[in-house]
Amino acid sequence: MLKAATAVLALAAPAAAQDVTLRIQTHYNPEQTSGKLATEFVEDVEAMSGGAIDIEMFYASSVVATVETFDAAANGILDCDMTGGAYQTGKNPAFQFVGDIMGGYDTPYQQLSWLYYGGGKEQAQDLYNQFGMELIGWWVYGQESLTSTTPVAGPDDLKEWKFRSPPGMETEIFANLGASPIVMDFTEVFTAMETGIIEGTDYSGLANNQSIGLFDLAQHATYPGFHSMPSDHLACNKMVWDGLSDQHKRIIETAMEKLALRSALFFEKANAEAAAELAEKGVTLHNWSAEDRATFRKAAQAAWDDWATRSPEAAALVESHKSYLTQLGLISQSE
């Protein structure tokens, strides 16, 4: 009787999730703060799964170039992409609005709230699935700061301001405000600033800008930032993701949400510390007024509306963002 009962229980119990190995590439170096946080994510997944999920993390785009990571995962060279959606705007302009909306949310928490509670993930998932990928989650380190050799205290200071800009929607927004954005590789920035080819640059958050020595050349920065808050994603090959057990999926999703929180919290502290240190050294930090921020947001919205005409998916994501930004009181319904 006991043997029979044991057999019934064995049949009723769910099958144990099989061990899996996931090959993931990130564009961060393991020594960088974001790279260290990615390592924590790996350790969390492996610990919570009791070693059943093994992650082989490739740092600093060591398998393929950063912009090729998404395709490498979709094609099975890798399993997952841990870079960012903004690198894929050439596939569909809609990726801009899962990578960096520009001039939208004020904090990482608002942006993550759109993803998880504002219908954002469902909207974005349709886009990712078209390319054989599954969006698992985001990690957002916060607002970026502009660094400049000249004051950047408000929109008037942007007139004819020459600065390094990444390609895409950002160049259009700043050009419409009278600036002179120049698209160049970041490796050229220091020489370009030293020789006066550019007066400033858009690179990262204040702490990151400080860590690479930008303030050896520049004495002005915007802080707190307002113009750009990139989202890095974890996106996996859809067939690989669908093949995971529910248990393994939940572990990875939970670890990703922890990574998002830790990233936002760490950089909030690091940027505040950097701001205090830089102010002591004579760097002027320009906190734009609510009116000036509204001016930038209005220019950004004009670019959103233009990009929304470029694909149905872009239009849907722009509408979703606008609806949620209105709920948060960041834009008005008339906008």
C-alpha atoms as a PDB file:
ATOM      1  CA  MET A   1       0.000   0.000   0.000  1.00  0.00           C
ATOM      2  CA  LEU A   2       2.797   2.424   0.925  1.00  0.00           C
ATOM      3  CA  LYS A   3       4.621   1.667  -2.319  1.00  0.00           C
ATOM      4  CA  ALA A   4       1.451   2.345  -4.322  1.00  0.00           C
ATOM      5  CA  ALA A   5       0.854   5.676  -2.539  1.00  0.00           C
ATOM      6  CA  THR A   6       4.446   6.712  -3.177  1.00  0.00           C
ATOM      7  CA  ALA A   7       4.069   5.888  -6.855  1.00  0.00           C
ATOM      8  CA  VAL A   8       0.900   8.011  -7.099  1.00  0.00           C
ATOM      9  CA  LEU A   9       2.632  10.957  -5.420  1.00  0.00           C
ATOM     10  CA  ALA A  10       5.581  10.655  -7.781  1.00  0.00           C
ATOM     11  CA  LEU A  11       3.273  10.761 -10.786  1.00  0.00           C
ATOM     12  CA  ALA A  12       1.380  13.763  -9.405  1.00  0.00           C
ATOM     13  CA  ALA A  13       4.501  15.819  -8.666  1.00  0.00           C
ATOM     14  CA  PRO A  14       5.634  18.232 -11.399  1.00  0.00           C
ATOM     15  CA  ALA A  15       8.716  17.189 -13.295  1.00  0.00           C
ATOM     16  CA  ALA A  16      11.855  18.913 -12.070  1.00  0.00           C
ATOM     17  CA  ALA A  17      13.023  21.734 -14.295  1.00  0.00           C
ATOM     18  CA  GLN A  18      15.941  20.636 -16.424  1.00  0.00           C
ATOM     19  CA  ASP A  19      19.304  22.356 -16.080  1.00  0.00           C
ATOM     20  CA  VAL A  20      19.909  25.040 -18.711  1.00  0.00           C
ATOM     21  CA  THR A  21      22.786  27.244 -19.843  1.00  0.00           C
ATOM     22  CA  LEU A  22      22.087  30.726 -21.193  1.00  0.00           C
ATOM     23  CA  ARG A  23      24.658  32.667 -23.199  1.00  0.00           C
ATOM     24  CA  ILE A  24      24.118  36.407 -22.655  1.00  0.00           C
ATOM     25  CA  GLN A  25      26.099  39.380 -23.945  1.00  0.00           C
ATOM     26  CA  THR A  26      26.247  42.848 -22.368  1.00  0.00           C
ATOM     27  CA  HIS A  27      28.022  45.927 -23.687  1.00  0.00           C
ATOM     28  CA  TYR A  28      29.355  46.770 -20.215  1.00  0.00           C
ATOM     29  CA  ASN A  29      32.813  45.876 -18.936  1.00  0.00           C
ATOM     30  CA  PRO A  30      32.928  43.700 -15.802  1.00  0.00           C
ATOM     31  CA  GLU A  31      34.849  46.471 -13.982  1.00  0.00           C
ATOM     32  CA  GLN A  32      32.152  49.092 -14.607  1.00  0.00           C
ATOM     33  CA  THR A  33      29.413  49.612 -12.041  1.00  0.00           C
ATOM     34  CA  SER A  34      26.772  48.406 -14.490  1.00  0.00           C
ATOM     35  CA  GLY A  35      28.973  45.433 -15.348  1.00  0.00           C
ATOM     36  CA  LYS A  36      29.263  44.559 -11.657  1.00  0.00           C
ATOM     37  CA  LEU A  37      25.483  44.800 -11.314  1.00  0.00           C
ATOM     38  CA  ALA A  38      25.113  42.456 -14.293  1.00  0.00           C
ATOM     39  CA  THR A  39      27.407  40.019 -12.480  1.00  0.00           C
ATOM     40  CA  GLU A  40      25.110  40.223  -9.434  1.00  0.00           C
ATOM     41  CA  PHE A  41      22.200  39.331 -11.713  1.00  0.00           C
ATOM     42  CA  VAL A  42      24.059  36.218 -12.859  1.00  0.00           C
ATOM     43  CA  GLU A  43      24.843  35.235  -9.273  1.00  0.00           C
ATOM     44  CA  ASP A  44      21.219  35.800  -8.207  1.00  0.00           C
ATOM     45  CA  VAL A  45      19.840  33.606 -10.979  1.00  0.00           C
ATOM     46  CA  GLU A  46      22.300  30.820 -10.292  1.00  0.00           C
ATOM     47  CA  ALA A  47      21.698  30.957  -6.526  1.00  0.00           C
ATOM     48  CA  MET A  48      17.894  31.080  -6.735  1.00  0.00           C
ATOM     49  CA  SER A  49      17.859  28.191  -9.191  1.00  0.00           C
ATOM     50  CA  GLY A  50      20.214  26.129  -7.054  1.00  0.00           C
ATOM     51  CA  GLY A  51      22.642  26.030  -9.959  1.00  0.00           C
ATOM     52  CA  ALA A  52      20.048  24.682 -12.397  1.00  0.00           C
ATOM     53  CA  ILE A  53      20.415  27.833 -14.517  1.00  0.00           C
ATOM     54  CA  ASP A  54      23.971  28.534 -15.576  1.00  0.00           C
ATOM     55  CA  ILE A  55      24.593  31.902 -17.223  1.00  0.00           C
ATOM     56  CA  GLU A  56      27.620  32.431 -19.394  1.00  0.00           C
ATOM     57  CA  MET A  57      27.939  36.218 -19.494  1.00  0.00           C
ATOM     58  CA  PHE A  58      29.994  37.798 -22.252  1.00  0.00           C
ATOM     59  CA  TYR A  59      31.103  41.293 -21.250  1.00  0.00           C
ATOM     60  CA  ALA A  60      32.149  44.297 -23.342  1.00  0.00           C
ATOM     61  CA  SER A  61      30.540  42.916 -26.507  1.00  0.00           C
ATOM     62  CA  SER A  62      33.181  40.200 -26.707  1.00  0.00           C
ATOM     63  CA  VAL A  63      31.261  37.882 -29.069  1.00  0.00           C
ATOM     64  CA  VAL A  64      29.741  40.382 -31.518  1.00  0.00           C
ATOM     65  CA  ALA A  65      29.538  44.176 -31.741  1.00  0.00           C
ATOM     66  CA  THR A  66      27.032  45.845 -29.422  1.00  0.00           C
ATOM     67  CA  VAL A  67      24.605  46.705 -32.220  1.00  0.00           C
ATOM     68  CA  GLU A  68      24.738  43.085 -33.447  1.00  0.00           C
ATOM     69  CA  THR A  69      23.876  41.496 -30.095  1.00  0.00           C
ATOM     70  CA  PHE A  70      20.112  41.477 -30.717  1.00  0.00           C
ATOM     71  CA  ASP A  71      20.513  39.654 -34.049  1.00  0.00           C
ATOM     72  CA  ALA A  72      23.042  37.242 -32.557  1.00  0.00           C
ATOM     73  CA  ALA A  73      20.466  36.226 -29.950  1.00  0.00           C
ATOM     74  CA  ALA A  74      17.634  36.029 -32.482  1.00  0.00           C
ATOM     75  CA  ASN A  75      19.785  33.819 -34.723  1.00  0.00           C
ATOM     76  CA  GLY A  76      21.013  31.490 -31.965  1.00  0.00           C
ATOM     77  CA  ILE A  77      24.636  32.622 -31.733  1.00  0.00           C
ATOM     78  CA  LEU A  78      23.701  33.864 -28.272  1.00  0.00           C
ATOM     79  CA  ASP A  79      20.597  33.187 -26.192  1.00  0.00           C
ATOM     80  CA  CYS A  80      19.933  36.660 -24.803  1.00  0.00           C
ATOM     81  CA  ASP A  81      20.796  40.304 -25.438  1.00  0.00           C
ATOM     82  CA  MET A  82      21.599  42.550 -22.466  1.00  0.00           C
ATOM     83  CA  THR A  83      22.278  45.817 -24.322  1.00  0.00           C
ATOM     84  CA  GLY A  84      19.381  48.108 -25.250  1.00  0.00           C
ATOM     85  CA  GLY A  85      16.499  48.498 -27.670  1.00  0.00           C
ATOM     86  CA  ALA A  86      17.692  51.870 -29.002  1.00  0.00           C
ATOM     87  CA  TYR A  87      20.411  50.077 -30.975  1.00  0.00           C
ATOM     88  CA  GLN A  88      17.687  48.510 -33.142  1.00  0.00           C
ATOM     89  CA  THR A  89      15.926  51.586 -34.538  1.00  0.00           C
ATOM     90  CA  GLY A  90      17.146  50.592 -38.004  1.00  0.00           C
ATOM     91  CA  LYS A  91      14.835  47.577 -37.800  1.00  0.00           C
ATOM     92  CA  ASN A  92      11.842  49.605 -36.686  1.00  0.00           C
ATOM     93  CA  PRO A  93      11.715  53.213 -35.385  1.00  0.00           C
ATOM     94  CA  ALA A  94       9.538  51.912 -32.536  1.00  0.00           C
ATOM     95  CA  PHE A  95      12.674  50.621 -30.799  1.00  0.00           C
ATOM     96  CA  GLN A  96      13.494  54.264 -29.962  1.00  0.00           C
ATOM     97  CA  PHE A  97      10.585  54.237 -27.524  1.00  0.00           C
ATOM     98  CA  VAL A  98      11.777  51.155 -25.649  1.00  0.00           C
ATOM     99  CA  GLY A  99      15.370  52.411 -25.685  1.00  0.00           C
ATOM    100  CA  ASP A 100      15.263  56.126 -24.876  1.00  0.00           C
ATOM    101  CA  ILE A 101      12.066  58.145 -25.172  1.00  0.00           C
ATOM    102  CA  MET A 102      13.973  61.439 -24.628  1.00  0.00           C
ATOM    103  CA  GLY A 103      12.437  64.169 -22.476  1.00  0.00           C
ATOM    104  CA  GLY A 104       9.793  61.861 -21.052  1.00  0.00           C
ATOM    105  CA  TYR A 105       9.913  60.508 -17.505  1.00  0.00           C
ATOM    106  CA  ASP A 106      11.720  62.273 -14.683  1.00  0.00           C
ATOM    107  CA  THR A 107      12.847  59.197 -12.731  1.00  0.00           C
ATOM    108  CA  PRO A 108      13.741  55.549 -13.428  1.00  0.00           C
ATOM    109  CA  TYR A 109      10.840  54.514 -11.199  1.00  0.00           C
ATOM    110  CA  GLN A 110       8.294  56.316 -13.396  1.00  0.00           C
ATOM    111  CA  GLN A 111       9.737  54.731 -16.519  1.00  0.00           C
ATOM    112  CA  LEU A 112       9.748  51.262 -14.983  1.00  0.00           C
ATOM    113  CA  SER A 113       6.195  51.864 -13.791  1.00  0.00           C
ATOM    114  CA  TRP A 114       5.115  52.420 -17.411  1.00  0.00           C
ATOM    115  CA  LEU A 115       6.748  49.134 -18.382  1.00  0.00           C
ATOM    116  CA  TYR A 116       5.156  47.014 -15.659  1.00  0.00           C
ATOM    117  CA  TYR A 117       1.923  48.851 -14.817  1.00  0.00           C
ATOM    118  CA  GLY A 118       1.231  51.182 -17.735  1.00  0.00           C
ATOM    119  CA  GLY A 119       0.815  48.542 -20.422  1.00  0.00           C
ATOM    120  CA  GLY A 120       4.302  49.170 -21.760  1.00  0.00           C
ATOM    121  CA  LYS A 121       5.597  45.622 -21.639  1.00  0.00           C
ATOM    122  CA  GLU A 122       2.604  44.279 -23.559  1.00  0.00           C
ATOM    123  CA  GLN A 123       3.035  46.971 -26.234  1.00  0.00           C
ATOM    124  CA  ALA A 124       6.775  46.375 -26.482  1.00  0.00           C
ATOM    125  CA  GLN A 125       6.391  42.603 -26.514  1.00  0.00           C
ATOM    126  CA  ASP A 126       4.530  42.725 -29.827  1.00  0.00           C
ATOM    127  CA  LEU A 127       7.505  44.563 -31.317  1.00  0.00           C
ATOM    128  CA  TYR A 128      10.132  42.182 -29.925  1.00  0.00           C
ATOM    129  CA  ASN A 129       8.178  39.079 -30.949  1.00  0.00           C
ATOM    130  CA  GLN A 130       8.173  40.228 -34.579  1.00  0.00           C
ATOM    131  CA  PHE A 131      11.924  39.684 -34.561  1.00  0.00           C
ATOM    132  CA  GLY A 132      11.901  36.355 -32.729  1.00  0.00           C
ATOM    133  CA  MET A 133      12.765  37.883 -29.352  1.00  0.00           C
ATOM    134  CA  GLU A 134      11.096  38.098 -25.936  1.00  0.00           C
ATOM    135  CA  LEU A 135      11.472  41.205 -23.755  1.00  0.00           C
ATOM    136  CA  ILE A 136      12.170  40.060 -20.184  1.00  0.00           C
ATOM    137  CA  GLY A 137      12.758  43.380 -18.455  1.00  0.00           C
ATOM    138  CA  TRP A 138      14.634  46.671 -18.183  1.00  0.00           C
ATOM    139  CA  TRP A 139      17.285  48.224 -16.003  1.00  0.00           C
ATOM    140  CA  VAL A 140      17.388  52.032 -16.000  1.00  0.00           C
ATOM    141  CA  TYR A 141      20.282  53.837 -14.343  1.00  0.00           C
ATOM    142  CA  GLY A 142      18.688  57.280 -14.401  1.00  0.00           C
ATOM    143  CA  GLN A 143      18.897  60.635 -16.097  1.00  0.00           C
ATOM    144  CA  GLU A 144      21.976  61.505 -18.108  1.00  0.00           C
ATOM    145  CA  SER A 145      23.768  64.843 -17.704  1.00  0.00           C
ATOM    146  CA  LEU A 146      25.129  67.072 -20.430  1.00  0.00           C
ATOM    147  CA  THR A 147      28.773  68.094 -19.931  1.00  0.00           C
ATOM    148  CA  SER A 148      30.024  71.369 -21.393  1.00  0.00           C
ATOM    149  CA  THR A 149      32.868  73.887 -21.483  1.00  0.00           C
ATOM    150  CA  THR A 150      30.219  76.639 -21.657  1.00  0.00           C
ATOM    151  CA  PRO A 151      27.120  77.221 -19.487  1.00  0.00           C
ATOM    152  CA  VAL A 152      24.036  75.072 -20.222  1.00  0.00           C
ATOM    153  CA  ALA A 153      21.640  76.784 -17.828  1.00  0.00           C
ATOM    154  CA  GLY A 154      18.568  76.684 -20.073  1.00  0.00           C
ATOM    155  CA  PRO A 155      17.260  76.464 -23.645  1.00  0.00           C
ATOM    156  CA  ASP A 156      18.839  79.811 -24.624  1.00  0.00           C
ATOM    157  CA  ASP A 157      22.299  78.336 -24.007  1.00  0.00           C
ATOM    158  CA  LEU A 158      21.607  75.630 -26.581  1.00  0.00           C
ATOM    159  CA  LYS A 159      21.637  78.122 -29.451  1.00  0.00           C
ATOM    160  CA  GLU A 160      24.538  77.097 -31.737  1.00  0.00           C
ATOM    161  CA  TRP A 161      25.921  74.891 -28.952  1.00  0.00           C
ATOM    162  CA  LYS A 162      28.195  72.331 -30.612  1.00  0.00           C
ATOM    163  CA  PHE A 163      28.155  69.001 -28.858  1.00  0.00           C
ATOM    164  CA  ARG A 164      28.687  65.309 -29.455  1.00  0.00           C
ATOM    165  CA  SER A 165      25.360  63.538 -29.850  1.00  0.00           C
ATOM    166  CA  PRO A 166      24.430  59.927 -30.539  1.00  0.00           C
ATOM    167  CA  PRO A 167      22.574  59.411 -33.821  1.00  0.00           C
ATOM    168  CA  GLY A 168      18.804  59.272 -34.062  1.00  0.00           C
ATOM    169  CA  MET A 169      16.002  61.223 -32.464  1.00  0.00           C
ATOM    170  CA  GLU A 170      18.227  63.144 -30.042  1.00  0.00           C
ATOM    171  CA  THR A 171      19.989  65.014 -32.843  1.00  0.00           C
ATOM    172  CA  GLU A 172      16.617  66.124 -34.226  1.00  0.00           C
ATOM    173  CA  ILE A 173      15.363  67.397 -30.855  1.00  0.00           C
ATOM    174  CA  PHE A 174      18.473  69.445 -30.094  1.00  0.00           C
ATOM    175  CA  ALA A 175      18.744  70.779 -33.643  1.00  0.00           C
ATOM    176  CA  ASN A 176      15.144  72.018 -33.400  1.00  0.00           C
ATOM    177  CA  LEU A 177      16.140  73.889 -30.218  1.00  0.00           C
ATOM    178  CA  GLY A 178      18.952  75.642 -32.096  1.00  0.00           C
ATOM    179  CA  ALA A 179      21.905  73.468 -31.068  1.00  0.00           C
ATOM    180  CA  SER A 180      24.494  72.050 -33.451  1.00  0.00           C
ATOM    181  CA  PRO A 181      24.689  68.323 -32.621  1.00  0.00           C
ATOM    182  CA  ILE A 182      27.611  66.452 -34.169  1.00  0.00           C
ATOM    183  CA  VAL A 183      27.407  62.670 -34.388  1.00  0.00           C
ATOM    184  CA  MET A 184      30.785  61.149 -33.559  1.00  0.00           C
ATOM    185  CA  ASP A 185      32.204  58.099 -31.840  1.00  0.00           C
ATOM    186  CA  PHE A 186      32.787  58.739 -28.169  1.00  0.00           C
ATOM    187  CA  THR A 187      36.477  57.858 -28.545  1.00  0.00           C
ATOM    188  CA  GLU A 188      36.866  61.155 -30.434  1.00  0.00           C
ATOM    189  CA  VAL A 189      35.255  63.345 -27.777  1.00  0.00           C
ATOM    190  CA  PHE A 190      38.289  64.276 -25.680  1.00  0.00           C
ATOM    191  CA  THR A 191      40.323  65.480 -28.660  1.00  0.00           C
ATOM    192  CA  ALA A 192      37.298  67.283 -30.097  1.00  0.00           C
ATOM    193  CA  MET A 193      36.708  69.144 -26.820  1.00  0.00           C
ATOM    194  CA  GLU A 194      40.387  69.989 -26.360  1.00  0.00           C
ATOM    195  CA  THR A 195      40.589  71.471 -29.860  1.00  0.00           C
ATOM    196  CA  GLY A 196      37.265  73.305 -29.662  1.00  0.00           C
ATOM    197  CA  ILE A 197      35.532  71.313 -32.379  1.00  0.00           C
ATOM    198  CA  ILE A 198      32.769  70.715 -29.831  1.00  0.00           C
ATOM    199  CA  GLU A 199      31.850  72.510 -26.625  1.00  0.00           C
ATOM    200  CA  GLY A 200      30.189  69.606 -24.888  1.00  0.00           C
ATOM    201  CA  THR A 201      28.994  66.041 -24.996  1.00  0.00           C
ATOM    202  CA  ASP A 202      26.148  63.754 -24.149  1.00  0.00           C
ATOM    203  CA  TYR A 203      27.631  60.622 -22.620  1.00  0.00           C
ATOM    204  CA  SER A 204      26.058  59.294 -19.431  1.00  0.00           C
ATOM    205  CA  GLY A 205      25.020  60.164 -15.872  1.00  0.00           C
ATOM    206  CA  LEU A 206      27.022  62.592 -13.759  1.00  0.00           C
ATOM    207  CA  ALA A 207      28.983  59.942 -11.845  1.00  0.00           C
ATOM    208  CA  ASN A 208      29.959  58.120 -15.016  1.00  0.00           C
ATOM    209  CA  ASN A 209      30.985  61.398 -16.664  1.00  0.00           C
ATOM    210  CA  GLN A 210      33.157  62.201 -13.666  1.00  0.00           C
ATOM    211  CA  SER A 211      34.737  58.748 -13.609  1.00  0.00           C
ATOM    212  CA  ILE A 212      36.077  58.991 -17.160  1.00  0.00           C
ATOM    213  CA  GLY A 213      37.643  62.432 -16.655  1.00  0.00           C
ATOM    214  CA  LEU A 214      35.263  64.665 -18.620  1.00  0.00           C
ATOM    215  CA  PHE A 215      35.505  67.360 -15.956  1.00  0.00           C
ATOM    216  CA  ASP A 216      39.215  67.705 -16.570  1.00  0.00           C
ATOM    217  CA  LEU A 217      38.047  69.566 -19.692  1.00  0.00           C
ATOM    218  CA  ALA A 218      34.621  70.937 -18.800  1.00  0.00           C
ATOM    219  CA  GLN A 219      33.334  73.084 -15.930  1.00  0.00           C
ATOM    220  CA  HIS A 220      29.588  72.913 -16.589  1.00  0.00           C
ATOM    221  CA  ALA A 221      26.941  70.185 -16.475  1.00  0.00           C
ATOM    222  CA  THR A 222      23.192  69.771 -16.274  1.00  0.00           C
ATOM    223  CA  TYR A 223      22.109  68.136 -13.012  1.00  0.00           C
ATOM    224  CA  PRO A 224      19.682  66.652 -12.213  1.00  0.00           C
ATOM    225  CA  GLY A 225      19.402  65.518 -15.801  1.00  0.00           C
ATOM    226  CA  PHE A 226      16.251  65.800 -17.879  1.00  0.00           C
ATOM    227  CA  HIS A 227      16.926  65.042 -21.525  1.00  0.00           C
ATOM    228  CA  SER A 228      17.799  61.351 -21.765  1.00  0.00           C
ATOM    229  CA  MET A 229      17.217  58.242 -19.650  1.00  0.00           C
ATOM    230  CA  PRO A 230      18.202  55.118 -21.600  1.00  0.00           C
ATOM    231  CA  SER A 231      16.712  51.730 -20.821  1.00  0.00           C
ATOM    232  CA  ASP A 232      18.966  48.697 -21.055  1.00  0.00           C
ATOM    233  CA  HIS A 233      17.012  45.517 -21.662  1.00  0.00           C
ATOM    234  CA  LEU A 234      17.225  41.793 -21.207  1.00  0.00           C
ATOM    235  CA  ALA A 235      15.734  40.232 -24.316  1.00  0.00           C
ATOM    236  CA  CYS A 236      15.990  36.533 -25.140  1.00  0.00           C
ATOM    237  CA  ASN A 237      15.528  34.358 -28.183  1.00  0.00           C
ATOM    238  CA  LYS A 238      11.791  33.583 -28.048  1.00  0.00           C
ATOM    239  CA  MET A 239      12.192  29.867 -28.749  1.00  0.00           C
ATOM    240  CA  VAL A 240      14.787  29.610 -25.981  1.00  0.00           C
ATOM    241  CA  TRP A 241      12.573  31.554 -23.560  1.00  0.00           C
ATOM    242  CA  ASP A 242       9.462  29.549 -24.405  1.00  0.00           C
ATOM    243  CA  GLY A 243      11.449  26.368 -23.767  1.00  0.00           C
ATOM    244  CA  LEU A 244      12.231  27.323 -20.163  1.00  0.00           C
ATOM    245  CA  SER A 245      10.105  26.058 -17.308  1.00  0.00           C
ATOM    246  CA  ASP A 246       7.750  28.462 -15.534  1.00  0.00           C
ATOM    247  CA  GLN A 247       9.988  28.182 -12.494  1.00  0.00           C
ATOM    248  CA  HIS A 248      13.088  29.225 -14.418  1.00  0.00           C
ATOM    249  CA  LYS A 249      11.242  32.077 -16.118  1.00  0.00           C
ATOM    250  CA  ARG A 250      10.048  33.408 -12.769  1.00  0.00           C
ATOM    251  CA  ILE A 251      13.556  33.253 -11.308  1.00  0.00           C
ATOM    252  CA  ILE A 252      15.028  35.224 -14.210  1.00  0.00           C
ATOM    253  CA  GLU A 253      12.225  37.800 -14.174  1.00  0.00           C
ATOM    254  CA  THR A 254      12.600  38.287 -10.416  1.00  0.00           C
ATOM    255  CA  ALA A 255      16.371  38.699 -10.667  1.00  0.00           C
ATOM    256  CA  MET A 256      15.838  41.217 -13.459  1.00  0.00           C
ATOM    257  CA  GLU A 257      13.483  43.296 -11.318  1.00  0.00           C
ATOM    258  CA  LYS A 258      16.083  43.288  -8.531  1.00  0.00           C
ATOM    259  CA  LEU A 259      18.721  44.431 -11.019  1.00  0.00           C
ATOM    260  CA  ALA A 260      16.457  47.298 -12.103  1.00  0.00           C
ATOM    261  CA  LEU A 261      15.930  48.475  -8.528  1.00  0.00           C
ATOM    262  CA  ARG A 262      19.585  48.122  -7.511  1.00  0.00           C
ATOM    263  CA  SER A 263      20.735  49.990 -10.616  1.00  0.00           C
ATOM    264  CA  ALA A 264      18.405  52.944 -10.027  1.00  0.00           C
ATOM    265  CA  LEU A 265      19.233  53.111  -6.309  1.00  0.00           C
ATOM    266  CA  PHE A 266      22.997  52.865  -6.795  1.00  0.00           C
ATOM    267  CA  PHE A 267      23.225  55.615  -9.398  1.00  0.00           C
ATOM    268  CA  GLU A 268      20.956  57.928  -7.405  1.00  0.00           C
ATOM    269  CA  LYS A 269      23.529  57.761  -4.601  1.00  0.00           C
ATOM    270  CA  ALA A 270      26.566  57.872  -6.918  1.00  0.00           C
ATOM    271  CA  ASN A 271      25.282  60.897  -8.839  1.00  0.00           C
ATOM    272  CA  ALA A 272      24.529  62.799  -5.619  1.00  0.00           C
ATOM    273  CA  GLU A 273      28.054  62.094  -4.349  1.00  0.00           C
ATOM    274  CA  ALA A 274      29.554  63.165  -7.673  1.00  0.00           C
ATOM    275  CA  ALA A 275      27.510  66.381  -7.627  1.00  0.00           C
ATOM    276  CA  ALA A 276      28.897  67.326  -4.202  1.00  0.00           C
ATOM    277  CA  GLU A 277      32.490  66.557  -5.199  1.00  0.00           C
ATOM    278  CA  LEU A 278      32.250  68.453  -8.485  1.00  0.00           C
ATOM    279  CA  ALA A 279      30.645  71.503  -6.878  1.00  0.00           C
ATOM    280  CA  GLU A 280      33.547  71.633  -4.395  1.00  0.00           C
ATOM    281  CA  LYS A 281      35.974  71.623  -7.321  1.00  0.00           C
ATOM    282  CA  GLY A 282      34.239  74.569  -8.978  1.00  0.00           C
ATOM    283  CA  VAL A 283      32.096  72.788 -11.553  1.00  0.00           C
ATOM    284  CA  THR A 284      28.796  74.626 -12.093  1.00  0.00           C
ATOM    285  CA  LEU A 285      25.768  72.324 -12.065  1.00  0.00           C
ATOM    286  CA  HIS A 286      22.743  73.715 -13.889  1.00  0.00           C
ATOM    287  CA  ASN A 287      19.336  72.563 -12.641  1.00  0.00           C
ATOM    288  CA  TRP A 288      16.855  73.585 -15.320  1.00  0.00           C
ATOM    289  CA  SER A 289      13.640  75.200 -14.121  1.00  0.00           C
ATOM    290  CA  ALA A 290      10.261  73.525 -14.560  1.00  0.00           C
ATOM    291  CA  GLU A 291       9.504  75.961 -17.382  1.00  0.00           C
ATOM    292  CA  ASP A 292      12.766  75.185 -19.182  1.00  0.00           C
ATOM    293  CA  ARG A 293      12.217  71.458 -18.792  1.00  0.00           C
ATOM    294  CA  ALA A 294       8.744  71.907 -20.274  1.00  0.00           C
ATOM    295  CA  THR A 295      10.334  73.648 -23.264  1.00  0.00           C
ATOM    296  CA  PHE A 296      12.598  70.672 -23.851  1.00  0.00           C
ATOM    297  CA  ARG A 297       9.757  68.196 -23.344  1.00  0.00           C
ATOM    298  CA  LYS A 298       7.640  70.074 -25.903  1.00  0.00           C
ATOM    299  CA  ALA A 299      10.465  69.844 -28.451  1.00  0.00           C
ATOM    300  CA  ALA A 300      10.855  66.153 -27.631  1.00  0.00           C
ATOM    301  CA  GLN A 301       7.141  65.551 -28.135  1.00  0.00           C
ATOM    302  CA  ALA A 302       7.326  67.090 -31.593  1.00  0.00           C
ATOM    303  CA  ALA A 303      10.003  64.514 -32.419  1.00  0.00           C
ATOM    304  CA  TRP A 304       7.903  61.705 -30.901  1.00  0.00           C
ATOM    305  CA  ASP A 305       4.982  62.666 -33.130  1.00  0.00           C
ATOM    306  CA  ASP A 306       7.213  62.684 -36.193  1.00  0.00           C
ATOM    307  CA  TRP A 307       8.709  59.282 -35.359  1.00  0.00           C
ATOM    308  CA  ALA A 308       5.215  57.938 -34.633  1.00  0.00           C
ATOM    309  CA  THR A 309       4.416  58.334 -38.334  1.00  0.00           C
ATOM    310  CA  ARG A 310       7.249  56.000 -39.315  1.00  0.00           C
ATOM    311  CA  SER A 311       5.670  52.688 -38.252  1.00  0.00           C
ATOM    312  CA  PRO A 312       2.432  51.433 -36.663  1.00  0.00           C
ATOM    313  CA  GLU A 313       4.427  50.017 -33.747  1.00  0.00           C
ATOM    314  CA  ALA A 314       6.070  53.406 -33.113  1.00  0.00           C
ATOM    315  CA  ALA A 315       2.661  55.081 -33.177  1.00  0.00           C
ATOM    316  CA  ALA A 316       1.281  52.600 -30.632  1.00  0.00           C
ATOM    317  CA  LEU A 317       4.220  53.031 -28.258  1.00  0.00           C
ATOM    318  CA  VAL A 318       4.133  56.839 -28.472  1.00  0.00           C
ATOM    319  CA  GLU A 319       0.421  56.818 -27.678  1.00  0.00           C
ATOM    320  CA  SER A 320       1.022  54.471 -24.742  1.00  0.00           C
ATOM    321  CA  HIS A 321       3.773  56.699 -23.334  1.00  0.00           C
ATOM    322  CA  LYS A 322       1.694  59.849 -23.772  1.00  0.00           C
ATOM    323  CA  SER A 323      -1.267  58.295 -22.000  1.00  0.00           C
ATOM    324  CA  TYR A 324       0.876  57.271 -19.019  1.00  0.00           C
ATOM    325  CA  LEU A 325       2.802  60.565 -18.886  1.00  0.00           C
ATOM    326  CA  THR A 326      -0.578  62.312 -18.736  1.00  0.00           C
ATOM    327  CA  GLN A 327      -1.644  60.086 -15.820  1.00  0.00           C
ATOM    328  CA  LEU A 328       1.578  61.042 -14.016  1.00  0.00           C
ATOM    329  CA  GLY A 329       0.935  64.742 -14.652  1.00  0.00           C
ATOM    330  CA  LEU A 330       4.121  65.168 -16.691  1.00  0.00           C
ATOM    331  CA  ILE A 331       2.247  66.315 -19.788  1.00  0.00           C
ATOM    332  CA  SER A 332      -1.248  67.676 -20.257  1.00  0.00           C
ATOM    333  CA  GLN A 333      -3.954  65.995 -22.328  1.00  0.00           C
ATOM    334  CA  SER A 334      -3.787  68.825 -24.871  1.00  0.00           C
ATOM    335  CA  GLU A 335      -0.170  67.876 -25.551  1.00  0.00           C
END
